[in-house]
Amino acid sequence: MGEPKLETPFLFVGNQRCLDFINTNFVVNGQPVDVLATFSDLVTWLVQVKLLSGEEGKKIEHQWGKQVEGSETLEQARAFRVTLREMVERIAAGRPVPEAAMEAINGTLRYRIGYPQVIRRAGKFERGYLAESQEVNQVLGLLAEAAANLLCTCDLSQIKKCQNPLCVLFFYDTTK
């Protein structure tokens, strides 16, 4: 697993992993840019947002990076991102979360097979997750969990879209 082979780096401006995932597809000079061009890019992004450890990312990349399942998972992640973008556009406009988005999130959460655990790291405690599934689609479950966390732990009225009409980025407004 290496760094993304793109000239455009990942943007981390959303203040929530779900929003940062949505923001992996944006516009530069009027042209759409998808920084999740490969399965490796998806895994790298998951490591950078700490949804996977570096070790887990390397293992997943080695096992699935050159397999058809890796490409299929990337396409599923992109489709899920479209659903999440539509959901967040509605939230930012003050409209309710569509039932289709809830179904997509809940359906994708089924890939999270494992259990939470407490991990001691550098004298501090962190909540971790031990995945019991070795299937590649476990990465989709990580994305769904980020979406569930957004809906369940955030004040949805603070989800905003960039005010520039040409901008397609979303963020969680922590200034309020």
C-alpha atoms as a PDB file:
ATOM      1  CA  MET A   1       0.000   0.000   0.000  1.00  0.00           C
ATOM      2  CA  GLY A   2       1.493   3.299  -0.973  1.00  0.00           C
ATOM      3  CA  GLU A   3       0.498   6.869  -1.132  1.00  0.00           C
ATOM      4  CA  PRO A   4      -2.191   7.711  -3.678  1.00  0.00           C
ATOM      5  CA  LYS A   5      -0.699   8.000  -7.140  1.00  0.00           C
ATOM      6  CA  LEU A   6      -2.543  11.242  -7.733  1.00  0.00           C
ATOM      7  CA  GLU A   7      -1.453  14.818  -8.042  1.00  0.00           C
ATOM      8  CA  THR A   8      -4.420  15.858  -5.908  1.00  0.00           C
ATOM      9  CA  PRO A   9      -4.158  14.861  -2.224  1.00  0.00           C
ATOM     10  CA  PHE A  10      -7.046  13.871  -0.009  1.00  0.00           C
ATOM     11  CA  LEU A  11      -8.957  16.753   1.566  1.00  0.00           C
ATOM     12  CA  PHE A  12      -9.736  16.561   5.259  1.00  0.00           C
ATOM     13  CA  VAL A  13     -11.985  19.575   5.762  1.00  0.00           C
ATOM     14  CA  GLY A  14     -15.260  17.887   6.720  1.00  0.00           C
ATOM     15  CA  ASN A  15     -14.570  17.492  10.464  1.00  0.00           C
ATOM     16  CA  GLN A  16     -16.324  14.114  10.212  1.00  0.00           C
ATOM     17  CA  ARG A  17     -15.076  10.986   8.461  1.00  0.00           C
ATOM     18  CA  CYS A  18     -18.318  10.536   6.549  1.00  0.00           C
ATOM     19  CA  LEU A  19     -18.096  14.059   5.159  1.00  0.00           C
ATOM     20  CA  ASP A  20     -14.416  13.600   4.317  1.00  0.00           C
ATOM     21  CA  PHE A  21     -15.383  10.422   2.441  1.00  0.00           C
ATOM     22  CA  ILE A  22     -18.025  12.331   0.467  1.00  0.00           C
ATOM     23  CA  ASN A  23     -15.396  15.017  -0.184  1.00  0.00           C
ATOM     24  CA  THR A  24     -13.142  12.509  -1.981  1.00  0.00           C
ATOM     25  CA  ASN A  25     -15.061  13.501  -5.101  1.00  0.00           C
ATOM     26  CA  PHE A  26     -14.753  17.241  -5.735  1.00  0.00           C
ATOM     27  CA  VAL A  27     -14.213  19.857  -8.438  1.00  0.00           C
ATOM     28  CA  VAL A  28     -10.929  21.519  -9.462  1.00  0.00           C
ATOM     29  CA  ASN A  29     -10.935  24.193 -12.180  1.00  0.00           C
ATOM     30  CA  GLY A  30     -14.448  23.174 -13.156  1.00  0.00           C
ATOM     31  CA  GLN A  31     -13.503  19.511 -13.626  1.00  0.00           C
ATOM     32  CA  PRO A  32     -14.641  16.636 -11.366  1.00  0.00           C
ATOM     33  CA  VAL A  33     -11.827  14.897  -9.495  1.00  0.00           C
ATOM     34  CA  ASP A  34     -12.220  11.514  -7.835  1.00  0.00           C
ATOM     35  CA  VAL A  35      -9.256  10.846  -5.556  1.00  0.00           C
ATOM     36  CA  LEU A  36     -10.453   7.279  -5.073  1.00  0.00           C
ATOM     37  CA  ALA A  37      -9.159   6.176  -8.466  1.00  0.00           C
ATOM     38  CA  THR A  38      -8.019   2.734  -7.285  1.00  0.00           C
ATOM     39  CA  PHE A  39      -8.693   0.240  -4.515  1.00  0.00           C
ATOM     40  CA  SER A  40      -5.281   1.210  -3.141  1.00  0.00           C
ATOM     41  CA  ASP A  41      -6.455   4.830  -2.896  1.00  0.00           C
ATOM     42  CA  LEU A  42      -9.513   3.714  -0.925  1.00  0.00           C
ATOM     43  CA  VAL A  43      -7.382   1.694   1.490  1.00  0.00           C
ATOM     44  CA  THR A  44      -4.894   4.563   1.843  1.00  0.00           C
ATOM     45  CA  TRP A  45      -7.748   6.949   2.635  1.00  0.00           C
ATOM     46  CA  LEU A  46      -9.131   4.533   5.258  1.00  0.00           C
ATOM     47  CA  VAL A  47      -5.690   4.366   6.887  1.00  0.00           C
ATOM     48  CA  GLN A  48      -5.261   8.151   6.820  1.00  0.00           C
ATOM     49  CA  VAL A  49      -8.605   8.689   8.587  1.00  0.00           C
ATOM     50  CA  LYS A  50      -7.664   5.936  11.050  1.00  0.00           C
ATOM     51  CA  LEU A  51     -10.529   3.611  10.154  1.00  0.00           C
ATOM     52  CA  LEU A  52      -7.843   1.016   9.421  1.00  0.00           C
ATOM     53  CA  SER A  53      -4.427   0.673  10.996  1.00  0.00           C
ATOM     54  CA  GLY A  54      -1.435   0.764   8.694  1.00  0.00           C
ATOM     55  CA  GLU A  55      -0.954  -2.954   9.287  1.00  0.00           C
ATOM     56  CA  GLU A  56      -4.592  -3.730   8.440  1.00  0.00           C
ATOM     57  CA  GLY A  57      -4.346  -1.572   5.333  1.00  0.00           C
ATOM     58  CA  LYS A  58      -1.247  -3.404   4.112  1.00  0.00           C
ATOM     59  CA  LYS A  59      -2.897  -6.755   4.713  1.00  0.00           C
ATOM     60  CA  ILE A  60      -6.086  -5.794   2.861  1.00  0.00           C
ATOM     61  CA  GLU A  61      -4.121  -4.211   0.022  1.00  0.00           C
ATOM     62  CA  HIS A  62      -1.912  -7.290  -0.334  1.00  0.00           C
ATOM     63  CA  GLN A  63      -4.826  -9.709  -0.198  1.00  0.00           C
ATOM     64  CA  TRP A  64      -7.342  -7.861  -2.364  1.00  0.00           C
ATOM     65  CA  GLY A  65      -5.570  -5.038  -4.224  1.00  0.00           C
ATOM     66  CA  LYS A  66      -5.039  -6.935  -7.463  1.00  0.00           C
ATOM     67  CA  GLN A  67      -8.190  -9.062  -7.255  1.00  0.00           C
ATOM     68  CA  VAL A  68     -11.497  -8.430  -8.974  1.00  0.00           C
ATOM     69  CA  GLU A  69     -13.075  -8.197  -5.493  1.00  0.00           C
ATOM     70  CA  GLY A  70     -10.938  -5.136  -4.777  1.00  0.00           C
ATOM     71  CA  SER A  71     -12.202  -3.392  -7.913  1.00  0.00           C
ATOM     72  CA  GLU A  72     -15.785  -4.385  -7.119  1.00  0.00           C
ATOM     73  CA  THR A  73     -15.437  -3.040  -3.582  1.00  0.00           C
ATOM     74  CA  LEU A  74     -14.111   0.263  -4.933  1.00  0.00           C
ATOM     75  CA  GLU A  75     -17.158   0.553  -7.217  1.00  0.00           C
ATOM     76  CA  GLN A  76     -19.488  -0.268  -4.318  1.00  0.00           C
ATOM     77  CA  ALA A  77     -17.752   2.367  -2.182  1.00  0.00           C
ATOM     78  CA  ARG A  78     -18.189   4.958  -4.932  1.00  0.00           C
ATOM     79  CA  ALA A  79     -21.891   4.091  -5.287  1.00  0.00           C
ATOM     80  CA  PHE A  80     -22.293   4.330  -1.507  1.00  0.00           C
ATOM     81  CA  ARG A  81     -20.573   7.730  -1.623  1.00  0.00           C
ATOM     82  CA  VAL A  82     -23.189   8.949  -4.142  1.00  0.00           C
ATOM     83  CA  THR A  83     -25.964   7.855  -1.768  1.00  0.00           C
ATOM     84  CA  LEU A  84     -24.261   9.592   1.157  1.00  0.00           C
ATOM     85  CA  ARG A  85     -23.725  12.772  -0.880  1.00  0.00           C
ATOM     86  CA  GLU A  86     -27.438  12.873  -1.735  1.00  0.00           C
ATOM     87  CA  MET A  87     -28.297  12.340   1.933  1.00  0.00           C
ATOM     88  CA  VAL A  88     -25.943  15.097   3.114  1.00  0.00           C
ATOM     89  CA  GLU A  89     -27.195  17.511   0.439  1.00  0.00           C
ATOM     90  CA  ARG A  90     -30.688  17.038   1.885  1.00  0.00           C
ATOM     91  CA  ILE A  91     -29.472  17.442   5.472  1.00  0.00           C
ATOM     92  CA  ALA A  92     -27.564  20.646   4.595  1.00  0.00           C
ATOM     93  CA  ALA A  93     -30.732  21.976   2.946  1.00  0.00           C
ATOM     94  CA  GLY A  94     -32.736  21.291   6.119  1.00  0.00           C
ATOM     95  CA  ARG A  95     -34.617  18.351   4.616  1.00  0.00           C
ATOM     96  CA  PRO A  96     -35.066  14.910   6.189  1.00  0.00           C
ATOM     97  CA  VAL A  97     -32.747  11.975   5.655  1.00  0.00           C
ATOM     98  CA  PRO A  98     -34.211   9.815   2.883  1.00  0.00           C
ATOM     99  CA  GLU A  99     -35.289   6.287   3.754  1.00  0.00           C
ATOM    100  CA  ALA A 100     -33.155   4.975   0.872  1.00  0.00           C
ATOM    101  CA  ALA A 101     -30.037   6.377   2.588  1.00  0.00           C
ATOM    102  CA  MET A 102     -30.996   4.703   5.864  1.00  0.00           C
ATOM    103  CA  GLU A 103     -31.489   1.410   4.053  1.00  0.00           C
ATOM    104  CA  ALA A 104     -28.122   1.768   2.301  1.00  0.00           C
ATOM    105  CA  ILE A 105     -26.316   2.531   5.565  1.00  0.00           C
ATOM    106  CA  ASN A 106     -28.003  -0.294   7.463  1.00  0.00           C
ATOM    107  CA  GLY A 107     -27.462  -2.713   4.598  1.00  0.00           C
ATOM    108  CA  THR A 108     -23.775  -1.829   4.426  1.00  0.00           C
ATOM    109  CA  LEU A 109     -23.299  -2.065   8.200  1.00  0.00           C
ATOM    110  CA  ARG A 110     -23.851  -5.808   7.862  1.00  0.00           C
ATOM    111  CA  TYR A 111     -20.251  -6.076   6.652  1.00  0.00           C
ATOM    112  CA  ARG A 112     -18.993  -5.018  10.115  1.00  0.00           C
ATOM    113  CA  ILE A 113     -18.389  -8.434  11.619  1.00  0.00           C
ATOM    114  CA  GLY A 114     -16.367  -8.216  14.796  1.00  0.00           C
ATOM    115  CA  TYR A 115     -16.469  -6.490  18.128  1.00  0.00           C
ATOM    116  CA  PRO A 116     -15.256  -3.307  19.861  1.00  0.00           C
ATOM    117  CA  GLN A 117     -12.344  -3.463  22.258  1.00  0.00           C
ATOM    118  CA  VAL A 118     -10.287  -1.162  24.465  1.00  0.00           C
ATOM    119  CA  ILE A 119      -6.666  -0.716  23.392  1.00  0.00           C
ATOM    120  CA  ARG A 120      -3.831   0.824  25.411  1.00  0.00           C
ATOM    121  CA  ARG A 121      -1.593   2.972  23.229  1.00  0.00           C
ATOM    122  CA  ALA A 122       1.175   5.235  24.525  1.00  0.00           C
ATOM    123  CA  GLY A 123      -0.267   5.242  28.042  1.00  0.00           C
ATOM    124  CA  LYS A 124      -3.778   6.173  26.835  1.00  0.00           C
ATOM    125  CA  PHE A 125      -6.871   4.160  26.083  1.00  0.00           C
ATOM    126  CA  GLU A 126      -8.587   4.056  22.721  1.00  0.00           C
ATOM    127  CA  ARG A 127     -11.647   2.312  21.483  1.00  0.00           C
ATOM    128  CA  GLY A 128     -10.715  -0.153  18.773  1.00  0.00           C
ATOM    129  CA  TYR A 129     -12.496  -2.749  16.718  1.00  0.00           C
ATOM    130  CA  LEU A 130     -11.405  -6.285  16.030  1.00  0.00           C
ATOM    131  CA  ALA A 131     -12.745  -7.377  12.673  1.00  0.00           C
ATOM    132  CA  GLU A 132     -13.604 -11.053  12.556  1.00  0.00           C
ATOM    133  CA  SER A 133     -14.280 -10.958   8.840  1.00  0.00           C
ATOM    134  CA  GLN A 134     -11.421 -11.407   6.419  1.00  0.00           C
ATOM    135  CA  GLU A 135     -13.597 -10.420   3.462  1.00  0.00           C
ATOM    136  CA  VAL A 136     -12.731  -7.329   1.438  1.00  0.00           C
ATOM    137  CA  ASN A 137     -16.211  -5.858   1.908  1.00  0.00           C
ATOM    138  CA  GLN A 138     -15.358  -5.161   5.541  1.00  0.00           C
ATOM    139  CA  VAL A 139     -14.066  -1.807   4.276  1.00  0.00           C
ATOM    140  CA  LEU A 140     -17.609  -0.936   3.179  1.00  0.00           C
ATOM    141  CA  GLY A 141     -18.775  -1.570   6.729  1.00  0.00           C
ATOM    142  CA  LEU A 142     -16.204   0.952   7.965  1.00  0.00           C
ATOM    143  CA  LEU A 143     -17.693   3.580   5.648  1.00  0.00           C
ATOM    144  CA  ALA A 144     -21.207   2.746   6.823  1.00  0.00           C
ATOM    145  CA  GLU A 145     -20.122   3.054  10.436  1.00  0.00           C
ATOM    146  CA  ALA A 146     -18.761   6.536   9.703  1.00  0.00           C
ATOM    147  CA  ALA A 147     -22.138   7.452   8.187  1.00  0.00           C
ATOM    148  CA  ALA A 148     -23.999   6.015  11.186  1.00  0.00           C
ATOM    149  CA  ASN A 149     -21.748   7.994  13.542  1.00  0.00           C
ATOM    150  CA  LEU A 150     -22.545  11.188  11.625  1.00  0.00           C
ATOM    151  CA  LEU A 151     -26.282  10.608  11.920  1.00  0.00           C
ATOM    152  CA  CYS A 152     -26.275   9.394  15.520  1.00  0.00           C
ATOM    153  CA  THR A 153     -23.711  11.625  17.219  1.00  0.00           C
ATOM    154  CA  CYS A 154     -23.790  14.949  15.371  1.00  0.00           C
ATOM    155  CA  ASP A 155     -26.104  17.922  15.409  1.00  0.00           C
ATOM    156  CA  LEU A 156     -27.345  17.583  11.834  1.00  0.00           C
ATOM    157  CA  SER A 157     -28.144  21.303  11.657  1.00  0.00           C
ATOM    158  CA  GLN A 158     -24.372  21.919  11.708  1.00  0.00           C
ATOM    159  CA  ILE A 159     -23.728  20.010   8.479  1.00  0.00           C
ATOM    160  CA  LYS A 160     -22.996  22.657   5.867  1.00  0.00           C
ATOM    161  CA  LYS A 161     -22.140  22.849   2.195  1.00  0.00           C
ATOM    162  CA  CYS A 162     -19.456  25.216   1.012  1.00  0.00           C
ATOM    163  CA  GLN A 163     -21.221  28.455   0.027  1.00  0.00           C
ATOM    164  CA  ASN A 164     -19.334  28.900  -3.238  1.00  0.00           C
ATOM    165  CA  PRO A 165     -21.769  27.675  -5.932  1.00  0.00           C
ATOM    166  CA  LEU A 166     -18.899  25.890  -7.720  1.00  0.00           C
ATOM    167  CA  CYS A 167     -17.801  24.082  -4.556  1.00  0.00           C
ATOM    168  CA  VAL A 168     -19.188  20.625  -3.789  1.00  0.00           C
ATOM    169  CA  LEU A 169     -17.551  20.131  -0.375  1.00  0.00           C
ATOM    170  CA  PHE A 170     -19.378  19.533   2.899  1.00  0.00           C
ATOM    171  CA  PHE A 171     -18.233  20.151   6.459  1.00  0.00           C
ATOM    172  CA  TYR A 172     -19.417  19.866  10.033  1.00  0.00           C
ATOM    173  CA  ASP A 173     -19.477  23.407  11.416  1.00  0.00           C
ATOM    174  CA  THR A 174     -17.776  23.350  14.804  1.00  0.00           C
ATOM    175  CA  THR A 175     -17.804  27.139  15.204  1.00  0.00           C
ATOM    176  CA  LYS A 176     -21.327  27.238  16.640  1.00  0.00           C
END
